[in-house]
Amino acid sequence: MKFIEMSGRTLFRLAREDGPNPQELADVGVEDDSIVRVNRQGDIEIRRVEGWDLIGGLLGDFESRVKHETGLDWA
């Protein structure tokens, strides 16, 4: 499966009304310096000490927003 990784700070900037908002992300442990990743289906995972943890999903035109905000492509 391919992902785009980013910081929690970047994910907070991507948060919109049609997905988890910044407060919901913070409630599940996302901080500015968290390592998070999004897959092509929009699933958001956060890196925890023991591995990756699914914490939510992005909706709408997230692919172009993620690529634009991070400057990265799926890897």
Protein backbone atom coordinates (compact mmCIF):
# COMPACT_ATOMS: atom_id res chain seq x y z
CA MET A 1 0.00 0.00 0.00
CA LYS A 2 1.26 3.49 -0.83
CA PHE A 3 1.27 6.44 1.57
CA ILE A 4 2.25 10.06 1.88
CA GLU A 5 3.89 10.81 5.23
CA MET A 6 3.74 14.20 6.93
CA SER A 7 3.95 15.90 10.28
CA GLY A 8 0.97 16.44 12.53
CA ARG A 9 1.35 20.17 11.84
CA THR A 10 0.78 19.56 8.13
CA LEU A 11 -2.22 17.32 8.83
CA PHE A 12 -3.75 20.07 10.99
CA ARG A 13 -3.50 22.43 7.99
CA LEU A 14 -5.25 19.83 5.79
CA ALA A 15 -8.13 19.27 8.23
CA ARG A 16 -11.46 20.45 6.81
CA GLU A 17 -15.15 20.27 7.54
CA ASP A 18 -15.54 17.00 5.58
CA GLY A 19 -12.94 15.11 7.64
CA PRO A 20 -11.58 15.17 11.16
CA ASN A 21 -11.08 18.68 12.50
CA PRO A 22 -7.96 19.76 14.41
CA GLN A 23 -9.60 19.18 17.80
CA GLU A 24 -10.63 15.63 16.87
CA LEU A 25 -7.08 14.93 15.67
CA ALA A 26 -5.63 16.31 18.92
CA ASP A 27 -8.09 14.19 20.93
CA VAL A 28 -6.57 11.00 19.43
CA GLY A 29 -3.02 12.15 20.13
CA VAL A 30 -1.89 14.07 17.05
CA GLU A 31 0.59 16.80 17.93
CA ASP A 32 2.56 19.17 15.67
CA ASP A 33 5.59 16.88 15.72
CA SER A 34 3.66 13.60 15.28
CA ILE A 35 4.48 11.42 12.28
CA VAL A 36 1.33 10.62 10.33
CA ARG A 37 0.59 9.11 6.95
CA VAL A 38 -2.37 9.00 4.57
CA ASN A 39 -3.07 6.24 2.06
CA ARG A 40 -4.83 6.57 -1.30
CA GLN A 41 -8.16 5.68 0.31
CA GLY A 42 -7.81 8.62 2.73
CA ASP A 43 -7.09 6.58 5.86
CA ILE A 44 -4.99 8.50 8.40
CA GLU A 45 -2.48 6.61 10.57
CA ILE A 46 -0.29 7.93 13.36
CA ARG A 47 3.09 6.46 14.31
CA ARG A 48 2.99 5.19 17.87
CA VAL A 49 5.86 3.54 19.76
CA GLU A 50 4.60 0.05 18.90
CA GLY A 51 3.56 0.73 15.28
CA TRP A 52 0.99 2.50 13.13
CA ASP A 53 -2.50 3.22 14.50
CA LEU A 54 -5.52 4.08 12.30
CA ILE A 55 -7.08 7.29 13.62
CA GLY A 56 -9.52 8.49 10.96
CA GLY A 57 -9.91 9.43 7.35
CA LEU A 58 -9.95 12.29 4.90
CA LEU A 59 -12.85 12.88 2.54
CA GLY A 60 -13.37 14.91 -0.60
CA ASP A 61 -10.56 16.01 -2.87
CA PHE A 62 -7.88 15.05 -0.35
CA GLU A 63 -5.38 13.66 -2.88
CA SER A 64 -4.64 16.98 -4.56
CA ARG A 65 -4.64 18.77 -1.18
CA VAL A 66 -2.18 16.28 0.34
CA LYS A 67 0.15 16.41 -2.65
CA HIS A 68 0.02 20.21 -2.78
CA GLU A 69 0.59 20.68 0.96
CA THR A 70 3.44 18.16 1.25
CA GLY A 71 5.05 18.37 -2.19
CA LEU A 72 5.19 14.56 -2.12
CA ASP A 73 3.74 11.73 -4.19
CA TRP A 74 2.57 8.26 -3.12
CA ALA A 75 5.42 6.00 -2.05
